[in-house]
Amino acid sequence: MNEEHLLQLEKEYLEAGGDLSLLEARLRMTSEERFLAHLGALQLVIELKKAGEALYARPQTAHPTPG
């Protein structure tokens, strides 16, 4: 990639609402740090999925209608 292409990607990233400080921090991470961050996010997704499934697995109670 040349510098012009990188500048274009940066412009598109910012226009899409990206935060350059987050991107720069991510680029400074070691491969192990990136792996651990990804693993943590994956574990969170799994726990949220389990919680959602448990919520919808509970029997629904009928709500009384007024009047």
N, C-alpha and C. Protein backbone atom coordinates (compact mmCIF):
# COMPACT_ATOMS: atom_id res chain seq x y z
N MET A 1 0.84 -1.18 0.00
CA MET A 1 0.00 0.00 0.00
C MET A 1 0.88 1.24 0.00
N ASN A 2 0.48 2.20 -0.78
CA ASN A 2 1.24 3.44 -0.79
C ASN A 2 0.59 4.45 0.17
N GLU A 3 1.29 5.55 0.39
CA GLU A 3 0.82 6.54 1.36
C GLU A 3 -0.53 7.14 0.96
N GLU A 4 -0.73 7.36 -0.33
CA GLU A 4 -2.00 7.93 -0.80
C GLU A 4 -3.17 6.99 -0.47
N HIS A 5 -2.95 5.71 -0.68
CA HIS A 5 -3.99 4.72 -0.37
C HIS A 5 -4.28 4.69 1.13
N LEU A 6 -3.24 4.76 1.95
CA LEU A 6 -3.43 4.77 3.40
C LEU A 6 -4.20 6.01 3.85
N LEU A 7 -3.89 7.15 3.25
CA LEU A 7 -4.60 8.38 3.60
C LEU A 7 -6.07 8.29 3.21
N GLN A 8 -6.36 7.67 2.08
CA GLN A 8 -7.74 7.48 1.64
C GLN A 8 -8.48 6.56 2.61
N LEU A 9 -7.84 5.48 3.03
CA LEU A 9 -8.46 4.57 4.01
C LEU A 9 -8.73 5.28 5.33
N GLU A 10 -7.78 6.11 5.76
CA GLU A 10 -7.95 6.87 7.00
C GLU A 10 -9.13 7.82 6.87
N LYS A 11 -9.24 8.50 5.74
CA LYS A 11 -10.35 9.43 5.51
C LYS A 11 -11.68 8.70 5.56
N GLU A 12 -11.77 7.54 4.91
CA GLU A 12 -13.01 6.76 4.90
C GLU A 12 -13.35 6.27 6.30
N TYR A 13 -12.33 5.87 7.06
CA TYR A 13 -12.53 5.39 8.42
C TYR A 13 -13.11 6.51 9.29
N LEU A 14 -12.55 7.70 9.17
CA LEU A 14 -13.03 8.84 9.95
C LEU A 14 -14.45 9.24 9.53
N GLU A 15 -14.72 9.23 8.24
CA GLU A 15 -16.06 9.57 7.75
C GLU A 15 -17.10 8.57 8.23
N ALA A 16 -16.68 7.34 8.46
CA ALA A 16 -17.59 6.30 8.94
C ALA A 16 -17.77 6.37 10.45
N GLY A 17 -17.14 7.34 11.09
CA GLY A 17 -17.29 7.52 12.53
C GLY A 17 -16.22 6.82 13.35
N GLY A 18 -15.15 6.40 12.70
CA GLY A 18 -14.07 5.72 13.42
C GLY A 18 -13.28 6.68 14.30
N ASP A 19 -12.65 6.13 15.30
CA ASP A 19 -11.83 6.91 16.23
C ASP A 19 -10.37 6.53 16.01
N LEU A 20 -9.59 7.48 15.52
CA LEU A 20 -8.19 7.19 15.20
C LEU A 20 -7.39 6.77 16.42
N SER A 21 -7.70 7.31 17.59
CA SER A 21 -6.93 6.92 18.78
C SER A 21 -7.15 5.45 19.10
N LEU A 22 -8.37 4.95 18.88
CA LEU A 22 -8.63 3.52 19.10
C LEU A 22 -7.89 2.68 18.07
N LEU A 23 -7.89 3.13 16.83
CA LEU A 23 -7.19 2.40 15.78
C LEU A 23 -5.69 2.37 16.05
N GLU A 24 -5.14 3.51 16.45
CA GLU A 24 -3.71 3.57 16.75
C GLU A 24 -3.36 2.68 17.93
N ALA A 25 -4.21 2.66 18.95
CA ALA A 25 -3.97 1.80 20.11
C ALA A 25 -4.00 0.33 19.68
N ARG A 26 -4.93 0.01 18.83
CA ARG A 26 -5.04 -1.38 18.34
C ARG A 26 -3.78 -1.78 17.56
N LEU A 27 -3.27 -0.86 16.76
CA LEU A 27 -2.07 -1.16 15.97
C LEU A 27 -0.83 -1.33 16.84
N ARG A 28 -0.82 -0.70 18.02
CA ARG A 28 0.32 -0.82 18.93
C ARG A 28 0.29 -2.12 19.74
N MET A 29 -0.85 -2.81 19.73
CA MET A 29 -0.98 -4.03 20.52
C MET A 29 -0.14 -5.16 19.92
N THR A 30 0.38 -6.00 20.81
CA THR A 30 1.09 -7.18 20.34
C THR A 30 0.05 -8.20 19.87
N SER A 31 0.52 -9.22 19.18
CA SER A 31 -0.42 -10.25 18.72
C SER A 31 -1.07 -10.95 19.90
N GLU A 32 -0.34 -11.12 21.00
CA GLU A 32 -0.92 -11.74 22.19
C GLU A 32 -2.01 -10.84 22.79
N GLU A 33 -1.76 -9.54 22.85
CA GLU A 33 -2.76 -8.61 23.38
C GLU A 33 -4.01 -8.61 22.51
N ARG A 34 -3.83 -8.64 21.19
CA ARG A 34 -4.99 -8.69 20.29
C ARG A 34 -5.77 -9.98 20.48
N PHE A 35 -5.05 -11.10 20.64
CA PHE A 35 -5.70 -12.38 20.88
C PHE A 35 -6.52 -12.34 22.16
N LEU A 36 -5.94 -11.82 23.24
CA LEU A 36 -6.65 -11.76 24.52
C LEU A 36 -7.86 -10.84 24.45
N ALA A 37 -7.74 -9.73 23.73
CA ALA A 37 -8.88 -8.82 23.56
C ALA A 37 -9.99 -9.52 22.78
N HIS A 38 -9.61 -10.23 21.74
CA HIS A 38 -10.59 -10.95 20.93
C HIS A 38 -11.25 -12.05 21.76
N LEU A 39 -10.45 -12.77 22.54
CA LEU A 39 -10.97 -13.83 23.39
C LEU A 39 -11.95 -13.27 24.42
N GLY A 40 -11.61 -12.13 25.02
CA GLY A 40 -12.51 -11.50 25.98
C GLY A 40 -13.83 -11.10 25.35
N ALA A 41 -13.77 -10.55 24.14
CA ALA A 41 -14.99 -10.16 23.44
C ALA A 41 -15.82 -11.38 23.09
N LEU A 42 -15.16 -12.44 22.67
CA LEU A 42 -15.87 -13.68 22.34
C LEU A 42 -16.56 -14.27 23.56
N GLN A 43 -15.88 -14.26 24.70
CA GLN A 43 -16.48 -14.76 25.94
C GLN A 43 -17.69 -13.93 26.33
N LEU A 44 -17.61 -12.62 26.14
CA LEU A 44 -18.74 -11.75 26.45
C LEU A 44 -19.93 -12.08 25.55
N VAL A 45 -19.69 -12.28 24.28
CA VAL A 45 -20.76 -12.63 23.34
C VAL A 45 -21.42 -13.94 23.75
N ILE A 46 -20.62 -14.92 24.14
CA ILE A 46 -21.16 -16.22 24.55
C ILE A 46 -22.03 -16.06 25.79
N GLU A 47 -21.57 -15.29 26.77
CA GLU A 47 -22.35 -15.08 27.99
C GLU A 47 -23.65 -14.33 27.71
N LEU A 48 -23.60 -13.34 26.83
CA LEU A 48 -24.82 -12.60 26.47
C LEU A 48 -25.81 -13.50 25.74
N LYS A 49 -25.30 -14.36 24.89
CA LYS A 49 -26.16 -15.31 24.17
C LYS A 49 -26.85 -16.25 25.16
N LYS A 50 -26.09 -16.77 26.11
CA LYS A 50 -26.66 -17.67 27.13
C LYS A 50 -27.72 -16.94 27.95
N ALA A 51 -27.45 -15.71 28.33
CA ALA A 51 -28.40 -14.94 29.12
C ALA A 51 -29.68 -14.69 28.33
N GLY A 52 -29.54 -14.37 27.06
CA GLY A 52 -30.71 -14.16 26.20
C GLY A 52 -31.52 -15.43 26.04
N GLU A 53 -30.84 -16.55 25.84
CA GLU A 53 -31.56 -17.82 25.70
C GLU A 53 -32.28 -18.18 26.99
N ALA A 54 -31.65 -17.93 28.13
CA ALA A 54 -32.28 -18.23 29.42
C ALA A 54 -33.50 -17.34 29.63
N LEU A 55 -33.40 -16.09 29.23
CA LEU A 55 -34.52 -15.16 29.39
C LEU A 55 -35.72 -15.61 28.58
N TYR A 56 -35.50 -16.00 27.34
CA TYR A 56 -36.61 -16.39 26.48
C TYR A 56 -37.07 -17.82 26.73
N ALA A 57 -36.30 -18.61 27.48
CA ALA A 57 -36.70 -19.98 27.80
C ALA A 57 -37.67 -20.02 28.99
N ARG A 58 -37.70 -18.93 29.77
CA ARG A 58 -38.62 -18.89 30.91
C ARG A 58 -40.05 -18.84 30.41
N PRO A 59 -40.96 -19.50 31.14
CA PRO A 59 -42.37 -19.43 30.73
C PRO A 59 -42.88 -17.99 30.84
N GLN A 60 -43.62 -17.59 29.86
CA GLN A 60 -44.18 -16.25 29.85
C GLN A 60 -45.48 -16.23 30.65
N THR A 61 -45.63 -15.25 31.50
CA THR A 61 -46.87 -15.12 32.26
C THR A 61 -47.76 -14.11 31.57
N ALA A 62 -49.04 -14.39 31.60
CA ALA A 62 -50.00 -13.47 30.99
C ALA A 62 -50.15 -12.25 31.87
N HIS A 63 -50.16 -11.10 31.25
CA HIS A 63 -50.36 -9.86 31.98
C HIS A 63 -51.84 -9.53 31.97
N PRO A 64 -52.40 -9.23 33.15
CA PRO A 64 -53.83 -8.90 33.17
C PRO A 64 -54.11 -7.63 32.37
N THR A 65 -55.21 -7.63 31.68
CA THR A 65 -55.59 -6.45 30.90
C THR A 65 -56.50 -5.58 31.76
N PRO A 66 -56.31 -4.28 31.71
CA PRO A 66 -57.15 -3.39 32.52
C PRO A 66 -58.60 -3.39 32.02
N GLY A 67 -59.51 -3.23 32.98
CA GLY A 67 -60.92 -3.05 32.64
C GLY A 67 -61.65 -4.28 32.64
